[in-house]
Amino acid sequence: MRIVSWQNSTTEGIDIMIASDISGSMLAEDFSPNRLEAGKDIAIDFIKNRPDDRIGLVE
């Protein structure tokens, strides 16, 4: 048996755009393992803490 239920809820959030540099310089290893991966990890942590916001990514 399949049960489906709906619940209306209202939340407030903001629109956020994250800009990511994907140039070759982002492969520098002054962050571990490199700048690009470090930036991704930071963005993931940021997004996890913003459940009600709409977030977009541009590269």
PDB file of N, CA and C in Angstrom:
ATOM      1  N   MET A   1       0.842  -1.163   0.000  1.00  0.00           N
ATOM      2  CA  MET A   1       0.000   0.000   0.000  1.00  0.00           C
ATOM      3  C   MET A   1       0.898   1.242   0.000  1.00  0.00           C
ATOM      4  N   ARG A   2       0.500   2.237  -0.750  1.00  0.00           N
ATOM      5  CA  ARG A   2       1.254   3.484  -0.860  1.00  0.00           C
ATOM      6  C   ARG A   2       0.445   4.621  -0.251  1.00  0.00           C
ATOM      7  N   ILE A   3       1.067   5.336   0.677  1.00  0.00           N
ATOM      8  CA  ILE A   3       0.397   6.460   1.318  1.00  0.00           C
ATOM      9  C   ILE A   3       1.099   7.741   0.901  1.00  0.00           C
ATOM     10  N   VAL A   4       0.324   8.680   0.413  1.00  0.00           N
ATOM     11  CA  VAL A   4       0.872   9.970   0.003  1.00  0.00           C
ATOM     12  C   VAL A   4       0.153  11.048   0.796  1.00  0.00           C
ATOM     13  N   SER A   5       0.920  11.946   1.377  1.00  0.00           N
ATOM     14  CA  SER A   5       0.297  13.051   2.094  1.00  0.00           C
ATOM     15  C   SER A   5       0.989  14.353   1.709  1.00  0.00           C
ATOM     16  N   TRP A   6       0.265  15.434   1.811  1.00  0.00           N
ATOM     17  CA  TRP A   6       0.776  16.753   1.476  1.00  0.00           C
ATOM     18  C   TRP A   6       0.628  17.655   2.684  1.00  0.00           C
ATOM     19  N   GLN A   7       1.562  18.533   2.838  1.00  0.00           N
ATOM     20  CA  GLN A   7       1.490  19.519   3.907  1.00  0.00           C
ATOM     21  C   GLN A   7       1.957  20.849   3.343  1.00  0.00           C
ATOM     22  N   ASN A   8       1.122  21.863   3.475  1.00  0.00           N
ATOM     23  CA  ASN A   8       1.518  23.205   3.048  1.00  0.00           C
ATOM     24  C   ASN A   8       2.301  23.867   4.170  1.00  0.00           C
ATOM     25  N   SER A   9       3.374  24.529   3.804  1.00  0.00           N
ATOM     26  CA  SER A   9       4.147  25.273   4.799  1.00  0.00           C
ATOM     27  C   SER A   9       4.705  26.526   4.133  1.00  0.00           C
ATOM     28  N   THR A  10       4.993  27.498   4.939  1.00  0.00           N
ATOM     29  CA  THR A  10       5.545  28.746   4.443  1.00  0.00           C
ATOM     30  C   THR A  10       6.918  28.957   5.072  1.00  0.00           C
ATOM     31  N   THR A  11       7.886  29.266   4.245  1.00  0.00           N
ATOM     32  CA  THR A  11       9.226  29.572   4.730  1.00  0.00           C
ATOM     33  C   THR A  11       9.684  30.867   4.081  1.00  0.00           C
ATOM     34  N   GLU A  12      10.656  31.477   4.690  1.00  0.00           N
ATOM     35  CA  GLU A  12      11.250  32.665   4.104  1.00  0.00           C
ATOM     36  C   GLU A  12      12.719  32.400   3.852  1.00  0.00           C
ATOM     37  N   GLY A  13      13.183  32.838   2.721  1.00  0.00           N
ATOM     38  CA  GLY A  13      14.583  32.679   2.385  1.00  0.00           C
ATOM     39  C   GLY A  13      14.996  33.778   1.436  1.00  0.00           C
ATOM     40  N   ILE A  14      16.249  33.745   1.041  1.00  0.00           N
ATOM     41  CA  ILE A  14      16.753  34.726   0.094  1.00  0.00           C
ATOM     42  C   ILE A  14      17.372  34.009  -1.098  1.00  0.00           C
ATOM     43  N   ASP A  15      17.542  34.747  -2.174  1.00  0.00           N
ATOM     44  CA  ASP A  15      18.187  34.217  -3.371  1.00  0.00           C
ATOM     45  C   ASP A  15      19.679  34.528  -3.292  1.00  0.00           C
ATOM     46  N   ILE A  16      20.494  33.513  -3.513  1.00  0.00           N
ATOM     47  CA  ILE A  16      21.948  33.665  -3.431  1.00  0.00           C
ATOM     48  C   ILE A  16      22.571  33.054  -4.686  1.00  0.00           C
ATOM     49  N   MET A  17      23.536  33.749  -5.265  1.00  0.00           N
ATOM     50  CA  MET A  17      24.314  33.202  -6.373  1.00  0.00           C
ATOM     51  C   MET A  17      25.755  33.054  -5.906  1.00  0.00           C
ATOM     52  N   ILE A  18      26.331  31.893  -6.164  1.00  0.00           N
ATOM     53  CA  ILE A  18      27.732  31.635  -5.844  1.00  0.00           C
ATOM     54  C   ILE A  18      28.501  31.629  -7.157  1.00  0.00           C
ATOM     55  N   ALA A  19      29.545  32.434  -7.228  1.00  0.00           N
ATOM     56  CA  ALA A  19      30.398  32.475  -8.419  1.00  0.00           C
ATOM     57  C   ALA A  19      31.675  31.697  -8.122  1.00  0.00           C
ATOM     58  N   SER A  20      32.017  30.785  -9.020  1.00  0.00           N
ATOM     59  CA  SER A  20      33.201  29.942  -8.818  1.00  0.00           C
ATOM     60  C   SER A  20      34.197  30.155  -9.961  1.00  0.00           C
ATOM     61  N   ASP A  21      35.422  30.406  -9.608  1.00  0.00           N
ATOM     62  CA  ASP A  21      36.516  30.545 -10.574  1.00  0.00           C
ATOM     63  C   ASP A  21      37.010  29.146 -10.929  1.00  0.00           C
ATOM     64  N   ILE A  22      36.975  28.801 -12.202  1.00  0.00           N
ATOM     65  CA  ILE A  22      37.438  27.468 -12.613  1.00  0.00           C
ATOM     66  C   ILE A  22      38.660  27.563 -13.532  1.00  0.00           C
ATOM     67  N   SER A  23      39.377  28.679 -13.433  1.00  0.00           N
ATOM     68  CA  SER A  23      40.575  28.848 -14.258  1.00  0.00           C
ATOM     69  C   SER A  23      41.698  27.931 -13.760  1.00  0.00           C
ATOM     70  N   GLY A  24      42.733  27.834 -14.551  1.00  0.00           N
ATOM     71  CA  GLY A  24      43.869  26.972 -14.218  1.00  0.00           C
ATOM     72  C   GLY A  24      44.542  27.321 -12.900  1.00  0.00           C
ATOM     73  N   SER A  25      44.476  28.597 -12.506  1.00  0.00           N
ATOM     74  CA  SER A  25      45.122  28.990 -11.249  1.00  0.00           C
ATOM     75  C   SER A  25      44.453  28.354 -10.036  1.00  0.00           C
ATOM     76  N   MET A  26      43.226  27.880 -10.199  1.00  0.00           N
ATOM     77  CA  MET A  26      42.517  27.234  -9.090  1.00  0.00           C
ATOM     78  C   MET A  26      43.091  25.850  -8.778  1.00  0.00           C
ATOM     79  N   LEU A  27      43.977  25.361  -9.616  1.00  0.00           N
ATOM     80  CA  LEU A  27      44.616  24.068  -9.356  1.00  0.00           C
ATOM     81  C   LEU A  27      45.879  24.217  -8.504  1.00  0.00           C
ATOM     82  N   ALA A  28      46.215  25.459  -8.121  1.00  0.00           N
ATOM     83  CA  ALA A  28      47.362  25.680  -7.227  1.00  0.00           C
ATOM     84  C   ALA A  28      47.117  24.925  -5.928  1.00  0.00           C
ATOM     85  N   GLU A  29      48.167  24.395  -5.360  1.00  0.00           N
ATOM     86  CA  GLU A  29      48.042  23.526  -4.195  1.00  0.00           C
ATOM     87  C   GLU A  29      48.388  24.231  -2.878  1.00  0.00           C
ATOM     88  N   ASP A  30      48.072  25.538  -2.792  1.00  0.00           N
ATOM     89  CA  ASP A  30      48.297  26.230  -1.536  1.00  0.00           C
ATOM     90  C   ASP A  30      47.187  25.943  -0.535  1.00  0.00           C
ATOM     91  N   PHE A  31      46.097  25.335  -0.995  1.00  0.00           N
ATOM     92  CA  PHE A  31      45.049  24.762  -0.150  1.00  0.00           C
ATOM     93  C   PHE A  31      45.005  23.279  -0.472  1.00  0.00           C
ATOM     94  N   SER A  32      44.511  22.464   0.455  1.00  0.00           N
ATOM     95  CA  SER A  32      44.527  21.017   0.238  1.00  0.00           C
ATOM     96  C   SER A  32      43.183  20.538  -0.297  1.00  0.00           C
ATOM     97  N   PRO A  33      43.115  19.728  -1.344  1.00  0.00           N
ATOM     98  CA  PRO A  33      44.213  19.362  -2.236  1.00  0.00           C
ATOM     99  C   PRO A  33      44.554  20.480  -3.227  1.00  0.00           C
ATOM    100  N   ASN A  34      43.586  21.364  -3.537  1.00  0.00           N
ATOM    101  CA  ASN A  34      43.844  22.530  -4.379  1.00  0.00           C
ATOM    102  C   ASN A  34      42.760  23.572  -4.119  1.00  0.00           C
ATOM    103  N   ARG A  35      42.897  24.729  -4.707  1.00  0.00           N
ATOM    104  CA  ARG A  35      41.953  25.818  -4.464  1.00  0.00           C
ATOM    105  C   ARG A  35      40.528  25.458  -4.890  1.00  0.00           C
ATOM    106  N   LEU A  36      40.392  24.794  -6.017  1.00  0.00           N
ATOM    107  CA  LEU A  36      39.063  24.457  -6.530  1.00  0.00           C
ATOM    108  C   LEU A  36      38.319  23.525  -5.578  1.00  0.00           C
ATOM    109  N   GLU A  37      38.974  22.472  -5.130  1.00  0.00           N
ATOM    110  CA  GLU A  37      38.344  21.529  -4.202  1.00  0.00           C
ATOM    111  C   GLU A  37      38.040  22.183  -2.859  1.00  0.00           C
ATOM    112  N   ALA A  38      38.947  23.033  -2.378  1.00  0.00           N
ATOM    113  CA  ALA A  38      38.708  23.741  -1.118  1.00  0.00           C
ATOM    114  C   ALA A  38      37.484  24.644  -1.256  1.00  0.00           C
ATOM    115  N   GLY A  39      37.358  25.324  -2.395  1.00  0.00           N
ATOM    116  CA  GLY A  39      36.198  26.182  -2.639  1.00  0.00           C
ATOM    117  C   GLY A  39      34.903  25.395  -2.677  1.00  0.00           C
ATOM    118  N   LYS A  40      34.950  24.216  -3.289  1.00  0.00           N
ATOM    119  CA  LYS A  40      33.754  23.353  -3.332  1.00  0.00           C
ATOM    120  C   LYS A  40      33.328  22.939  -1.934  1.00  0.00           C
ATOM    121  N   ASP A  41      34.295  22.545  -1.108  1.00  0.00           N
ATOM    122  CA  ASP A  41      33.979  22.130   0.263  1.00  0.00           C
ATOM    123  C   ASP A  41      33.340  23.271   1.052  1.00  0.00           C
ATOM    124  N   ILE A  42      33.867  24.472   0.889  1.00  0.00           N
ATOM    125  CA  ILE A  42      33.306  25.630   1.583  1.00  0.00           C
ATOM    126  C   ILE A  42      31.889  25.913   1.097  1.00  0.00           C
ATOM    127  N   ALA A  43      31.673  25.825  -0.216  1.00  0.00           N
ATOM    128  CA  ALA A  43      30.338  26.067  -0.776  1.00  0.00           C
ATOM    129  C   ALA A  43      29.337  25.023  -0.270  1.00  0.00           C
ATOM    130  N   ILE A  44      29.742  23.773  -0.198  1.00  0.00           N
ATOM    131  CA  ILE A  44      28.852  22.708   0.290  1.00  0.00           C
ATOM    132  C   ILE A  44      28.453  22.969   1.732  1.00  0.00           C
ATOM    133  N   ASP A  45      29.412  23.324   2.577  1.00  0.00           N
ATOM    134  CA  ASP A  45      29.105  23.632   3.977  1.00  0.00           C
ATOM    135  C   ASP A  45      28.160  24.822   4.075  1.00  0.00           C
ATOM    136  N   PHE A  46      28.394  25.844   3.262  1.00  0.00           N
ATOM    137  CA  PHE A  46      27.536  27.032   3.263  1.00  0.00           C
ATOM    138  C   PHE A  46      26.106  26.664   2.868  1.00  0.00           C
ATOM    139  N   ILE A  47      25.965  25.878   1.804  1.00  0.00           N
ATOM    140  CA  ILE A  47      24.639  25.507   1.299  1.00  0.00           C
ATOM    141  C   ILE A  47      23.883  24.650   2.309  1.00  0.00           C
ATOM    142  N   LYS A  48      24.562  23.739   2.975  1.00  0.00           N
ATOM    143  CA  LYS A  48      23.906  22.888   3.972  1.00  0.00           C
ATOM    144  C   LYS A  48      23.282  23.705   5.093  1.00  0.00           C
ATOM    145  N   ASN A  49      23.867  24.865   5.394  1.00  0.00           N
ATOM    146  CA  ASN A  49      23.355  25.714   6.469  1.00  0.00           C
ATOM    147  C   ASN A  49      22.325  26.732   5.997  1.00  0.00           C
ATOM    148  N   ARG A  50      21.870  26.639   4.743  1.00  0.00           N
ATOM    149  CA  ARG A  50      20.891  27.574   4.199  1.00  0.00           C
ATOM    150  C   ARG A  50      19.709  26.803   3.592  1.00  0.00           C
ATOM    151  N   PRO A  51      18.974  26.005   4.376  1.00  0.00           N
ATOM    152  CA  PRO A  51      17.940  25.135   3.804  1.00  0.00           C
ATOM    153  C   PRO A  51      16.760  25.860   3.171  1.00  0.00           C
ATOM    154  N   ASP A  52      16.494  27.101   3.551  1.00  0.00           N
ATOM    155  CA  ASP A  52      15.317  27.806   3.033  1.00  0.00           C
ATOM    156  C   ASP A  52      15.661  28.793   1.924  1.00  0.00           C
ATOM    157  N   ASP A  53      16.923  28.915   1.579  1.00  0.00           N
ATOM    158  CA  ASP A  53      17.323  29.859   0.539  1.00  0.00           C
ATOM    159  C   ASP A  53      17.410  29.155  -0.805  1.00  0.00           C
ATOM    160  N   ARG A  54      17.237  29.946  -1.868  1.00  0.00           N
ATOM    161  CA  ARG A  54      17.415  29.437  -3.216  1.00  0.00           C
ATOM    162  C   ARG A  54      18.811  29.839  -3.654  1.00  0.00           C
ATOM    163  N   ILE A  55      19.631  28.835  -4.009  1.00  0.00           N
ATOM    164  CA  ILE A  55      21.038  29.079  -4.286  1.00  0.00           C
ATOM    165  C   ILE A  55      21.380  28.610  -5.695  1.00  0.00           C
ATOM    166  N   GLY A  56      22.048  29.476  -6.443  1.00  0.00           N
ATOM    167  CA  GLY A  56      22.493  29.137  -7.784  1.00  0.00           C
ATOM    168  C   GLY A  56      24.011  29.190  -7.866  1.00  0.00           C
ATOM    169  N   LEU A  57      24.564  28.568  -8.880  1.00  0.00           N
ATOM    170  CA  LEU A  57      26.014  28.514  -9.067  1.00  0.00           C
ATOM    171  C   LEU A  57      26.358  28.928 -10.487  1.00  0.00           C
ATOM    172  N   VAL A  58      27.317  29.826 -10.617  1.00  0.00           N
ATOM    173  CA  VAL A  58      27.859  30.182 -11.924  1.00  0.00           C
ATOM    174  C   VAL A  58      29.351  29.916 -11.897  1.00  0.00           C
ATOM    175  N   GLU A  59      29.864  29.442 -13.027  1.00  0.00           N
ATOM    176  CA  GLU A  59      31.291  29.137 -13.105  1.00  0.00           C
ATOM    177  C   GLU A  59      31.956  30.058 -14.100  1.00  0.00           C
TER     178      GLU A  59
END
